[in-house]
């Protein structure tokens, strides 16, 4: 199991980079030490792999186009393939750890086009209304699934038959989740038809982060009116295009503040802010500290952890 203290996104697609994920064994187990991330949130992203997790410590808020769900300590859940989502630690930097099984659906579904894939996987994975399935330890049937998720982390990778044992356990979990899906026990099944347009606009913003981006530019990039652009951002990302653009610029600034020695002015211009003073003002308003204070705090945390 890998210990993770931050995620990386593929710049061109905004998909999450999954280290150790290989075609011959498309599965990784990780322990996300969320309190050690540079920021208390992970920005909007998606991945083809399914995310099956257990909250070991603390609480984490997931946000999808359908809304927000809080996962408390002891709970678990599933995030469906290619679902647009972001997360936020609710008590940062209080210890918050999440254990995850991340796998390509094909790892379990077998032959493409086969009966198992067609019957038990595609109905869930291809369902545009199915985003997240929360699991509560207060409901016996769901508590049993959470226990199976936890147990699947205990297998020894060096033991003969590890891959088969793991696959068999995940198949058992999937069948139980499939039954819950069929029963529609979770209320969180709404998904906007405009999520694909939202994804394309997110990519456009990332590709033009250093440019001056107007709402008109954004709307035209996906052949929509400005009014439709505003509506999709409000419906899918729960914010305005302008606020989202500023948020993306600030995320990039945080990355540069902790990962480079560039000056504040250099970072301001490289992230698309018109001046160092405007950048500092927006950064302080959103982050609660100046860029210099943010960089110093991060450097101190890094040095103390060594």
C-alpha atoms as a PDB file:
ATOM      1  CA  UNK A   1       0.000   0.000   0.000  1.00  0.00           C
ATOM      2  CA  UNK A   2       1.316   3.429  -0.941  1.00  0.00           C
ATOM      3  CA  UNK A   3       1.220   6.352   1.479  1.00  0.00           C
ATOM      4  CA  UNK A   4       0.003   9.410  -0.429  1.00  0.00           C
ATOM      5  CA  UNK A   5       0.587  13.005   0.722  1.00  0.00           C
ATOM      6  CA  UNK A   6      -0.776  14.796  -2.335  1.00  0.00           C
ATOM      7  CA  UNK A   7      -2.185  14.062  -5.777  1.00  0.00           C
ATOM      8  CA  UNK A   8      -1.028  15.022  -9.239  1.00  0.00           C
ATOM      9  CA  UNK A   9      -3.340  15.782 -12.123  1.00  0.00           C
ATOM     10  CA  UNK A  10      -2.509  15.169 -15.775  1.00  0.00           C
ATOM     11  CA  UNK A  11      -2.295  18.750 -17.021  1.00  0.00           C
ATOM     12  CA  UNK A  12      -3.857  18.171 -20.434  1.00  0.00           C
ATOM     13  CA  UNK A  13      -6.905  16.227 -19.224  1.00  0.00           C
ATOM     14  CA  UNK A  14      -7.276  17.046 -15.504  1.00  0.00           C
ATOM     15  CA  UNK A  15      -7.418  13.325 -14.811  1.00  0.00           C
ATOM     16  CA  UNK A  16      -5.739  12.142 -11.641  1.00  0.00           C
ATOM     17  CA  UNK A  17      -2.317  10.558 -12.183  1.00  0.00           C
ATOM     18  CA  UNK A  18      -2.303   7.105 -10.572  1.00  0.00           C
ATOM     19  CA  UNK A  19       1.308   5.999  -9.851  1.00  0.00           C
ATOM     20  CA  UNK A  20       1.780   2.243 -10.058  1.00  0.00           C
ATOM     21  CA  UNK A  21      -1.349   1.733 -12.156  1.00  0.00           C
ATOM     22  CA  UNK A  22      -0.355  -0.683 -14.947  1.00  0.00           C
ATOM     23  CA  UNK A  23      -2.297  -2.323 -17.809  1.00  0.00           C
ATOM     24  CA  UNK A  24      -1.418  -5.858 -16.665  1.00  0.00           C
ATOM     25  CA  UNK A  25      -2.671  -5.182 -13.108  1.00  0.00           C
ATOM     26  CA  UNK A  26      -4.862  -2.045 -13.108  1.00  0.00           C
ATOM     27  CA  UNK A  27      -5.209  -1.718  -9.343  1.00  0.00           C
ATOM     28  CA  UNK A  28      -3.526   0.238  -6.563  1.00  0.00           C
ATOM     29  CA  UNK A  29      -4.128   0.447  -2.818  1.00  0.00           C
ATOM     30  CA  UNK A  30      -3.223   3.690  -1.113  1.00  0.00           C
ATOM     31  CA  UNK A  31      -3.448   5.409   2.244  1.00  0.00           C
ATOM     32  CA  UNK A  32      -4.104   9.102   1.650  1.00  0.00           C
ATOM     33  CA  UNK A  33      -2.640  11.152   4.511  1.00  0.00           C
ATOM     34  CA  UNK A  34      -4.873  14.085   3.718  1.00  0.00           C
ATOM     35  CA  UNK A  35      -3.707  16.291   6.591  1.00  0.00           C
ATOM     36  CA  UNK A  36      -0.242  16.315   4.986  1.00  0.00           C
ATOM     37  CA  UNK A  37      -1.518  17.657   1.660  1.00  0.00           C
ATOM     38  CA  UNK A  38      -0.393  21.190   0.753  1.00  0.00           C
ATOM     39  CA  UNK A  39      -4.025  22.365   0.749  1.00  0.00           C
ATOM     40  CA  UNK A  40      -7.177  21.231   2.568  1.00  0.00           C
ATOM     41  CA  UNK A  41      -8.867  20.453  -0.761  1.00  0.00           C
ATOM     42  CA  UNK A  42      -8.367  18.535  -3.995  1.00  0.00           C
ATOM     43  CA  UNK A  43      -9.679  20.465  -7.032  1.00  0.00           C
ATOM     44  CA  UNK A  44     -12.221  19.225  -9.576  1.00  0.00           C
ATOM     45  CA  UNK A  45     -10.913  16.160 -11.399  1.00  0.00           C
ATOM     46  CA  UNK A  46     -11.949  12.722 -12.644  1.00  0.00           C
ATOM     47  CA  UNK A  47     -10.488   9.323 -13.512  1.00  0.00           C
ATOM     48  CA  UNK A  48     -11.616   6.272 -15.415  1.00  0.00           C
ATOM     49  CA  UNK A  49     -10.812   4.055 -12.437  1.00  0.00           C
ATOM     50  CA  UNK A  50     -13.388   3.326  -9.754  1.00  0.00           C
ATOM     51  CA  UNK A  51     -12.588   4.668  -6.282  1.00  0.00           C
ATOM     52  CA  UNK A  52     -13.611   2.442  -3.356  1.00  0.00           C
ATOM     53  CA  UNK A  53     -12.634   3.824   0.054  1.00  0.00           C
ATOM     54  CA  UNK A  54     -12.813   3.721   3.836  1.00  0.00           C
ATOM     55  CA  UNK A  55     -12.401   6.753   6.126  1.00  0.00           C
ATOM     56  CA  UNK A  56      -9.916   5.680   8.780  1.00  0.00           C
ATOM     57  CA  UNK A  57      -9.541   9.048  10.562  1.00  0.00           C
ATOM     58  CA  UNK A  58     -11.304  12.407  10.321  1.00  0.00           C
ATOM     59  CA  UNK A  59     -13.971  13.562   7.888  1.00  0.00           C
ATOM     60  CA  UNK A  60     -13.894  14.351   4.197  1.00  0.00           C
ATOM     61  CA  UNK A  61     -16.424  16.200   2.043  1.00  0.00           C
ATOM     62  CA  UNK A  62     -16.955  15.014  -1.532  1.00  0.00           C
ATOM     63  CA  UNK A  63     -18.580  17.368  -4.009  1.00  0.00           C
ATOM     64  CA  UNK A  64     -19.999  16.271  -7.364  1.00  0.00           C
ATOM     65  CA  UNK A  65     -22.349  18.040  -9.786  1.00  0.00           C
ATOM     66  CA  UNK A  66     -25.217  16.607  -7.716  1.00  0.00           C
ATOM     67  CA  UNK A  67     -24.078  18.188  -4.464  1.00  0.00           C
ATOM     68  CA  UNK A  68     -22.006  17.462  -1.373  1.00  0.00           C
ATOM     69  CA  UNK A  69     -21.655  14.357   0.796  1.00  0.00           C
ATOM     70  CA  UNK A  70     -19.678  14.223   4.048  1.00  0.00           C
ATOM     71  CA  UNK A  71     -17.891  10.962   4.866  1.00  0.00           C
ATOM     72  CA  UNK A  72     -17.144  10.674   8.567  1.00  0.00           C
ATOM     73  CA  UNK A  73     -14.662   8.436  10.334  1.00  0.00           C
ATOM     74  CA  UNK A  74     -15.703   4.795   9.967  1.00  0.00           C
ATOM     75  CA  UNK A  75     -17.792   5.346   6.829  1.00  0.00           C
ATOM     76  CA  UNK A  76     -16.980   4.270   3.298  1.00  0.00           C
ATOM     77  CA  UNK A  77     -18.076   4.785  -0.251  1.00  0.00           C
ATOM     78  CA  UNK A  78     -17.655   4.358  -3.970  1.00  0.00           C
ATOM     79  CA  UNK A  79     -16.997   7.038  -6.582  1.00  0.00           C
ATOM     80  CA  UNK A  80     -18.032   5.880 -10.032  1.00  0.00           C
ATOM     81  CA  UNK A  81     -15.848   5.881 -13.133  1.00  0.00           C
ATOM     82  CA  UNK A  82     -15.271   9.293 -14.795  1.00  0.00           C
ATOM     83  CA  UNK A  83     -17.308  11.212 -12.209  1.00  0.00           C
ATOM     84  CA  UNK A  84     -16.339  14.858 -11.865  1.00  0.00           C
ATOM     85  CA  UNK A  85     -15.569  15.456  -8.182  1.00  0.00           C
ATOM     86  CA  UNK A  86     -13.518  17.383  -5.657  1.00  0.00           C
ATOM     87  CA  UNK A  87     -12.822  16.859  -1.955  1.00  0.00           C
ATOM     88  CA  UNK A  88     -12.277  19.026   1.111  1.00  0.00           C
ATOM     89  CA  UNK A  89     -10.897  18.125   4.544  1.00  0.00           C
ATOM     90  CA  UNK A  90     -13.319  19.382   7.176  1.00  0.00           C
ATOM     91  CA  UNK A  91     -10.820  19.824  10.033  1.00  0.00           C
ATOM     92  CA  UNK A  92      -7.517  20.600   8.302  1.00  0.00           C
ATOM     93  CA  UNK A  93      -4.788  19.981   9.481  1.00  0.00           C
ATOM     94  CA  UNK A  94      -6.306  17.533  11.982  1.00  0.00           C
ATOM     95  CA  UNK A  95      -5.214  13.961  11.226  1.00  0.00           C
ATOM     96  CA  UNK A  96      -7.337  12.727   8.314  1.00  0.00           C
ATOM     97  CA  UNK A  97      -6.568   9.429   6.599  1.00  0.00           C
ATOM     98  CA  UNK A  98      -8.458   7.615   3.880  1.00  0.00           C
ATOM     99  CA  UNK A  99      -7.685   4.145   2.537  1.00  0.00           C
ATOM    100  CA  UNK A 100      -8.532   3.534  -1.104  1.00  0.00           C
ATOM    101  CA  UNK A 101      -8.847   0.683  -3.552  1.00  0.00           C
ATOM    102  CA  UNK A 102      -8.548   2.226  -7.030  1.00  0.00           C
ATOM    103  CA  UNK A 103      -9.099  -0.066  -9.987  1.00  0.00           C
ATOM    104  CA  UNK A 104     -10.109  -0.192 -13.622  1.00  0.00           C
ATOM    105  CA  UNK A 105     -13.553  -1.846 -13.883  1.00  0.00           C
ATOM    106  CA  UNK A 106     -12.034  -4.274 -16.394  1.00  0.00           C
ATOM    107  CA  UNK A 107      -9.890  -5.649 -13.547  1.00  0.00           C
ATOM    108  CA  UNK A 108     -13.054  -7.330 -12.237  1.00  0.00           C
ATOM    109  CA  UNK A 109     -15.460  -7.486 -15.163  1.00  0.00           C
ATOM    110  CA  UNK A 110     -13.458  -9.912 -17.303  1.00  0.00           C
ATOM    111  CA  UNK A 111     -13.922 -10.277 -21.044  1.00  0.00           C
ATOM    112  CA  UNK A 112     -15.087  -7.137 -22.809  1.00  0.00           C
ATOM    113  CA  UNK A 113     -18.664  -7.639 -23.943  1.00  0.00           C
ATOM    114  CA  UNK A 114     -19.057 -10.714 -21.762  1.00  0.00           C
ATOM    115  CA  UNK A 115     -22.088 -11.525 -19.633  1.00  0.00           C
ATOM    116  CA  UNK A 116     -20.480 -10.428 -16.342  1.00  0.00           C
ATOM    117  CA  UNK A 117     -19.513  -7.041 -17.735  1.00  0.00           C
ATOM    118  CA  UNK A 118     -22.879  -6.525 -19.429  1.00  0.00           C
ATOM    119  CA  UNK A 119     -24.945  -7.586 -16.415  1.00  0.00           C
ATOM    120  CA  UNK A 120     -23.061  -6.361 -13.362  1.00  0.00           C
ATOM    121  CA  UNK A 121     -20.709  -3.595 -14.457  1.00  0.00           C
ATOM    122  CA  UNK A 122     -21.976  -1.563 -17.397  1.00  0.00           C
ATOM    123  CA  UNK A 123     -25.362  -0.783 -15.803  1.00  0.00           C
ATOM    124  CA  UNK A 124     -23.535   0.990 -12.960  1.00  0.00           C
ATOM    125  CA  UNK A 125     -20.528   2.419 -14.771  1.00  0.00           C
ATOM    126  CA  UNK A 126     -22.486   3.738 -17.745  1.00  0.00           C
ATOM    127  CA  UNK A 127     -25.359   5.116 -15.679  1.00  0.00           C
ATOM    128  CA  UNK A 128     -25.198   8.934 -16.074  1.00  0.00           C
ATOM    129  CA  UNK A 129     -27.254   9.301 -12.885  1.00  0.00           C
ATOM    130  CA  UNK A 130     -24.903   7.284 -10.684  1.00  0.00           C
ATOM    131  CA  UNK A 131     -22.045   9.308  -9.159  1.00  0.00           C
ATOM    132  CA  UNK A 132     -21.348   8.311  -5.569  1.00  0.00           C
ATOM    133  CA  UNK A 133     -22.579   5.542  -3.283  1.00  0.00           C
ATOM    134  CA  UNK A 134     -22.039   6.333   0.420  1.00  0.00           C
ATOM    135  CA  UNK A 135     -21.813   3.498   2.946  1.00  0.00           C
ATOM    136  CA  UNK A 136     -22.857   4.025   6.550  1.00  0.00           C
ATOM    137  CA  UNK A 137     -21.574   1.934   9.498  1.00  0.00           C
ATOM    138  CA  UNK A 138     -25.016   2.461  11.085  1.00  0.00           C
ATOM    139  CA  UNK A 139     -26.737   0.276   8.479  1.00  0.00           C
ATOM    140  CA  UNK A 140     -25.849  -3.419   9.044  1.00  0.00           C
ATOM    141  CA  UNK A 141     -25.739  -4.396   5.374  1.00  0.00           C
ATOM    142  CA  UNK A 142     -23.528  -1.437   4.522  1.00  0.00           C
ATOM    143  CA  UNK A 143     -21.375  -1.913   7.637  1.00  0.00           C
ATOM    144  CA  UNK A 144     -20.614  -5.430   6.398  1.00  0.00           C
ATOM    145  CA  UNK A 145     -19.420  -4.024   3.067  1.00  0.00           C
ATOM    146  CA  UNK A 146     -17.228  -1.482   4.892  1.00  0.00           C
ATOM    147  CA  UNK A 147     -15.679  -4.375   6.827  1.00  0.00           C
ATOM    148  CA  UNK A 148     -14.905  -6.211   3.580  1.00  0.00           C
ATOM    149  CA  UNK A 149     -13.324  -3.060   2.134  1.00  0.00           C
ATOM    150  CA  UNK A 150     -11.079  -2.795   5.220  1.00  0.00           C
ATOM    151  CA  UNK A 151     -10.172  -6.485   5.138  1.00  0.00           C
ATOM    152  CA  UNK A 152      -9.095  -6.293   1.491  1.00  0.00           C
ATOM    153  CA  UNK A 153      -6.239  -3.990   2.515  1.00  0.00           C
ATOM    154  CA  UNK A 154      -4.733  -6.722   4.723  1.00  0.00           C
ATOM    155  CA  UNK A 155      -3.634  -9.108   1.979  1.00  0.00           C
ATOM    156  CA  UNK A 156       0.110  -9.675   1.617  1.00  0.00           C
ATOM    157  CA  UNK A 157       1.307  -8.785  -1.889  1.00  0.00           C
ATOM    158  CA  UNK A 158       4.191 -11.263  -1.547  1.00  0.00           C
ATOM    159  CA  UNK A 159       1.968 -14.264  -0.930  1.00  0.00           C
ATOM    160  CA  UNK A 160       1.251 -16.699  -3.741  1.00  0.00           C
ATOM    161  CA  UNK A 161      -2.201 -16.044  -5.145  1.00  0.00           C
ATOM    162  CA  UNK A 162      -2.407 -12.455  -3.836  1.00  0.00           C
ATOM    163  CA  UNK A 163      -3.845 -11.142  -7.107  1.00  0.00           C
ATOM    164  CA  UNK A 164      -6.551 -13.814  -7.238  1.00  0.00           C
ATOM    165  CA  UNK A 165      -7.465 -13.406  -3.555  1.00  0.00           C
ATOM    166  CA  UNK A 166      -7.740  -9.644  -3.959  1.00  0.00           C
ATOM    167  CA  UNK A 167      -9.790  -9.888  -7.151  1.00  0.00           C
ATOM    168  CA  UNK A 168     -12.159 -12.401  -5.529  1.00  0.00           C
ATOM    169  CA  UNK A 169     -12.685 -10.085  -2.533  1.00  0.00           C
ATOM    170  CA  UNK A 170     -13.328  -7.041  -4.698  1.00  0.00           C
ATOM    171  CA  UNK A 171     -15.788  -9.038  -6.816  1.00  0.00           C
ATOM    172  CA  UNK A 172     -17.691  -9.952  -3.649  1.00  0.00           C
ATOM    173  CA  UNK A 173     -17.773  -6.290  -2.630  1.00  0.00           C
ATOM    174  CA  UNK A 174     -18.880  -5.243  -6.123  1.00  0.00           C
ATOM    175  CA  UNK A 175     -21.778  -7.695  -6.132  1.00  0.00           C
ATOM    176  CA  UNK A 176     -22.994  -6.281  -2.800  1.00  0.00           C
ATOM    177  CA  UNK A 177     -22.670  -2.730  -4.145  1.00  0.00           C
ATOM    178  CA  UNK A 178     -24.546  -3.768  -7.274  1.00  0.00           C
ATOM    179  CA  UNK A 179     -27.439  -4.960  -5.117  1.00  0.00           C
ATOM    180  CA  UNK A 180     -27.487  -1.624  -3.281  1.00  0.00           C
ATOM    181  CA  UNK A 181     -27.398   0.177  -6.607  1.00  0.00           C
ATOM    182  CA  UNK A 182     -30.366  -1.835  -7.835  1.00  0.00           C
ATOM    183  CA  UNK A 183     -32.295  -0.980  -4.690  1.00  0.00           C
ATOM    184  CA  UNK A 184     -31.438   2.732  -5.120  1.00  0.00           C
ATOM    185  CA  UNK A 185     -30.775   3.110  -1.403  1.00  0.00           C
ATOM    186  CA  UNK A 186     -28.705   6.228  -1.906  1.00  0.00           C
ATOM    187  CA  UNK A 187     -30.362   9.550  -2.838  1.00  0.00           C
ATOM    188  CA  UNK A 188     -27.234  10.770  -4.626  1.00  0.00           C
ATOM    189  CA  UNK A 189     -27.932   9.630  -8.178  1.00  0.00           C
ATOM    190  CA  UNK A 190     -28.596  12.885 -10.026  1.00  0.00           C
ATOM    191  CA  UNK A 191     -26.084  13.940 -12.670  1.00  0.00           C
ATOM    192  CA  UNK A 192     -26.307  16.877 -15.005  1.00  0.00           C
ATOM    193  CA  UNK A 193     -26.361  16.267 -18.733  1.00  0.00           C
ATOM    194  CA  UNK A 194     -23.974  19.203 -18.919  1.00  0.00           C
ATOM    195  CA  UNK A 195     -21.075  17.597 -17.061  1.00  0.00           C
ATOM    196  CA  UNK A 196     -19.197  16.905 -20.306  1.00  0.00           C
ATOM    197  CA  UNK A 197     -19.422  20.590 -21.240  1.00  0.00           C
ATOM    198  CA  UNK A 198     -18.192  21.502 -17.756  1.00  0.00           C
ATOM    199  CA  UNK A 199     -15.214  19.166 -18.179  1.00  0.00           C
ATOM    200  CA  UNK A 200     -14.319  20.728 -21.538  1.00  0.00           C
ATOM    201  CA  UNK A 201     -14.457  24.218 -20.046  1.00  0.00           C
ATOM    202  CA  UNK A 202     -12.253  23.112 -17.152  1.00  0.00           C
ATOM    203  CA  UNK A 203      -9.707  21.872 -19.689  1.00  0.00           C
ATOM    204  CA  UNK A 204      -9.906  25.160 -21.591  1.00  0.00           C
ATOM    205  CA  UNK A 205      -9.196  27.137 -18.429  1.00  0.00           C
ATOM    206  CA  UNK A 206      -6.204  24.945 -17.564  1.00  0.00           C
ATOM    207  CA  UNK A 207      -4.796  25.261 -21.071  1.00  0.00           C
ATOM    208  CA  UNK A 208      -5.126  29.065 -20.982  1.00  0.00           C
ATOM    209  CA  UNK A 209      -4.319  29.698 -17.317  1.00  0.00           C
ATOM    210  CA  UNK A 210      -1.766  32.393 -18.185  1.00  0.00           C
ATOM    211  CA  UNK A 211      -4.102  34.186 -20.607  1.00  0.00           C
ATOM    212  CA  UNK A 212      -6.871  36.674 -20.034  1.00  0.00           C
ATOM    213  CA  UNK A 213      -9.992  34.477 -20.137  1.00  0.00           C
ATOM    214  CA  UNK A 214     -13.443  35.987 -20.537  1.00  0.00           C
ATOM    215  CA  UNK A 215     -16.762  34.225 -20.066  1.00  0.00           C
ATOM    216  CA  UNK A 216     -17.328  34.782 -23.785  1.00  0.00           C
ATOM    217  CA  UNK A 217     -14.093  32.908 -24.576  1.00  0.00           C
ATOM    218  CA  UNK A 218     -15.142  30.081 -22.298  1.00  0.00           C
ATOM    219  CA  UNK A 219     -18.634  29.797 -23.778  1.00  0.00           C
ATOM    220  CA  UNK A 220     -17.342  29.872 -27.348  1.00  0.00           C
ATOM    221  CA  UNK A 221     -14.838  27.099 -26.592  1.00  0.00           C
ATOM    222  CA  UNK A 222     -17.772  24.683 -26.172  1.00  0.00           C
ATOM    223  CA  UNK A 223     -20.155  26.418 -28.627  1.00  0.00           C
ATOM    224  CA  UNK A 224     -22.523  27.722 -25.957  1.00  0.00           C
ATOM    225  CA  UNK A 225     -24.025  31.087 -25.124  1.00  0.00           C
ATOM    226  CA  UNK A 226     -22.678  33.015 -22.142  1.00  0.00           C
ATOM    227  CA  UNK A 227     -25.981  32.439 -20.386  1.00  0.00           C
ATOM    228  CA  UNK A 228     -25.630  28.681 -20.836  1.00  0.00           C
ATOM    229  CA  UNK A 229     -22.047  28.905 -19.616  1.00  0.00           C
ATOM    230  CA  UNK A 230     -23.161  30.568 -16.382  1.00  0.00           C
ATOM    231  CA  UNK A 231     -25.947  28.016 -15.933  1.00  0.00           C
ATOM    232  CA  UNK A 232     -23.637  25.013 -16.378  1.00  0.00           C
ATOM    233  CA  UNK A 233     -21.073  26.362 -13.924  1.00  0.00           C
ATOM    234  CA  UNK A 234     -23.787  27.041 -11.389  1.00  0.00           C
ATOM    235  CA  UNK A 235     -25.393  23.618 -11.890  1.00  0.00           C
ATOM    236  CA  UNK A 236     -22.270  21.461 -12.119  1.00  0.00           C
ATOM    237  CA  UNK A 237     -19.558  23.310 -10.184  1.00  0.00           C
ATOM    238  CA  UNK A 238     -21.720  25.416  -7.860  1.00  0.00           C
ATOM    239  CA  UNK A 239     -19.861  28.634  -8.629  1.00  0.00           C
ATOM    240  CA  UNK A 240     -19.490  31.265 -11.363  1.00  0.00           C
ATOM    241  CA  UNK A 241     -17.033  31.023 -14.282  1.00  0.00           C
ATOM    242  CA  UNK A 242     -15.075  34.029 -12.962  1.00  0.00           C
ATOM    243  CA  UNK A 243     -14.745  32.613  -9.451  1.00  0.00           C
ATOM    244  CA  UNK A 244     -13.699  29.243 -10.835  1.00  0.00           C
ATOM    245  CA  UNK A 245     -11.019  30.821 -13.024  1.00  0.00           C
ATOM    246  CA  UNK A 246      -9.633  32.698 -10.004  1.00  0.00           C
ATOM    247  CA  UNK A 247      -9.682  29.480  -7.990  1.00  0.00           C
ATOM    248  CA  UNK A 248      -7.689  27.667 -10.711  1.00  0.00           C
ATOM    249  CA  UNK A 249      -5.141  30.496 -10.847  1.00  0.00           C
ATOM    250  CA  UNK A 250      -4.730  30.351  -7.068  1.00  0.00           C
ATOM    251  CA  UNK A 251      -4.307  26.562  -7.122  1.00  0.00           C
ATOM    252  CA  UNK A 252      -1.524  26.942  -9.661  1.00  0.00           C
ATOM    253  CA  UNK A 253       0.006  29.708  -7.526  1.00  0.00           C
ATOM    254  CA  UNK A 254       0.000  27.405  -4.476  1.00  0.00           C
ATOM    255  CA  UNK A 255       1.811  24.768  -6.508  1.00  0.00           C
ATOM    256  CA  UNK A 256       4.477  27.248  -7.580  1.00  0.00           C
ATOM    257  CA  UNK A 257       4.857  28.739  -4.098  1.00  0.00           C
ATOM    258  CA  UNK A 258       5.652  25.323  -2.645  1.00  0.00           C
ATOM    259  CA  UNK A 259       7.491  23.828  -5.612  1.00  0.00           C
ATOM    260  CA  UNK A 260       9.619  26.666  -6.973  1.00  0.00           C
ATOM    261  CA  UNK A 261      11.791  29.583  -5.889  1.00  0.00           C
ATOM    262  CA  UNK A 262      10.093  32.046  -8.255  1.00  0.00           C
ATOM    263  CA  UNK A 263       9.306  35.469  -6.850  1.00  0.00           C
ATOM    264  CA  UNK A 264       5.770  36.498  -5.927  1.00  0.00           C
ATOM    265  CA  UNK A 265       5.622  38.809  -8.955  1.00  0.00           C
ATOM    266  CA  UNK A 266       6.830  36.066 -11.304  1.00  0.00           C
ATOM    267  CA  UNK A 267       4.235  33.666  -9.938  1.00  0.00           C
ATOM    268  CA  UNK A 268       1.509  36.310 -10.256  1.00  0.00           C
ATOM    269  CA  UNK A 269       2.148  36.793 -13.977  1.00  0.00           C
ATOM    270  CA  UNK A 270       2.680  33.093 -14.711  1.00  0.00           C
ATOM    271  CA  UNK A 271      -0.749  32.361 -13.182  1.00  0.00           C
ATOM    272  CA  UNK A 272      -2.550  34.990 -15.216  1.00  0.00           C
ATOM    273  CA  UNK A 273      -2.863  37.752 -12.625  1.00  0.00           C
ATOM    274  CA  UNK A 274      -2.355  41.253 -13.978  1.00  0.00           C
ATOM    275  CA  UNK A 275      -0.084  42.422 -11.158  1.00  0.00           C
ATOM    276  CA  UNK A 276       1.661  41.239  -8.018  1.00  0.00           C
ATOM    277  CA  UNK A 277      -0.496  43.441  -5.808  1.00  0.00           C
ATOM    278  CA  UNK A 278      -3.758  42.102  -7.282  1.00  0.00           C
ATOM    279  CA  UNK A 279      -2.477  38.550  -6.903  1.00  0.00           C
ATOM    280  CA  UNK A 280      -1.509  39.145  -3.252  1.00  0.00           C
ATOM    281  CA  UNK A 281      -4.876  40.703  -2.505  1.00  0.00           C
ATOM    282  CA  UNK A 282      -6.853  37.812  -4.066  1.00  0.00           C
ATOM    283  CA  UNK A 283      -4.590  35.197  -2.486  1.00  0.00           C
ATOM    284  CA  UNK A 284      -4.971  36.692   0.990  1.00  0.00           C
ATOM    285  CA  UNK A 285      -8.740  36.948   0.601  1.00  0.00           C
ATOM    286  CA  UNK A 286      -9.128  33.304  -0.426  1.00  0.00           C
ATOM    287  CA  UNK A 287      -6.352  31.609   1.561  1.00  0.00           C
ATOM    288  CA  UNK A 288      -6.356  33.701   4.731  1.00  0.00           C
ATOM    289  CA  UNK A 289      -2.642  34.519   4.510  1.00  0.00           C
ATOM    290  CA  UNK A 290      -0.245  36.293   2.161  1.00  0.00           C
ATOM    291  CA  UNK A 291       1.672  34.356  -0.521  1.00  0.00           C
ATOM    292  CA  UNK A 292       4.894  34.795   1.465  1.00  0.00           C
ATOM    293  CA  UNK A 293       3.255  33.526   4.649  1.00  0.00           C
ATOM    294  CA  UNK A 294       1.880  30.516   2.746  1.00  0.00           C
ATOM    295  CA  UNK A 295       5.318  29.676   1.329  1.00  0.00           C
ATOM    296  CA  UNK A 296       7.001  30.059   4.738  1.00  0.00           C
ATOM    297  CA  UNK A 297       4.409  27.872   6.481  1.00  0.00           C
ATOM    298  CA  UNK A 298       4.808  25.152   3.881  1.00  0.00           C
ATOM    299  CA  UNK A 299       8.615  25.257   4.073  1.00  0.00           C
ATOM    300  CA  UNK A 300       8.475  24.997   7.869  1.00  0.00           C
ATOM    301  CA  UNK A 301       6.115  22.007   7.699  1.00  0.00           C
ATOM    302  CA  UNK A 302       8.384  20.300   5.169  1.00  0.00           C
ATOM    303  CA  UNK A 303      11.516  20.889   7.261  1.00  0.00           C
ATOM    304  CA  UNK A 304       9.829  19.693  10.469  1.00  0.00           C
ATOM    305  CA  UNK A 305       8.696  16.459   8.828  1.00  0.00           C
ATOM    306  CA  UNK A 306      12.228  15.467   7.874  1.00  0.00           C
END
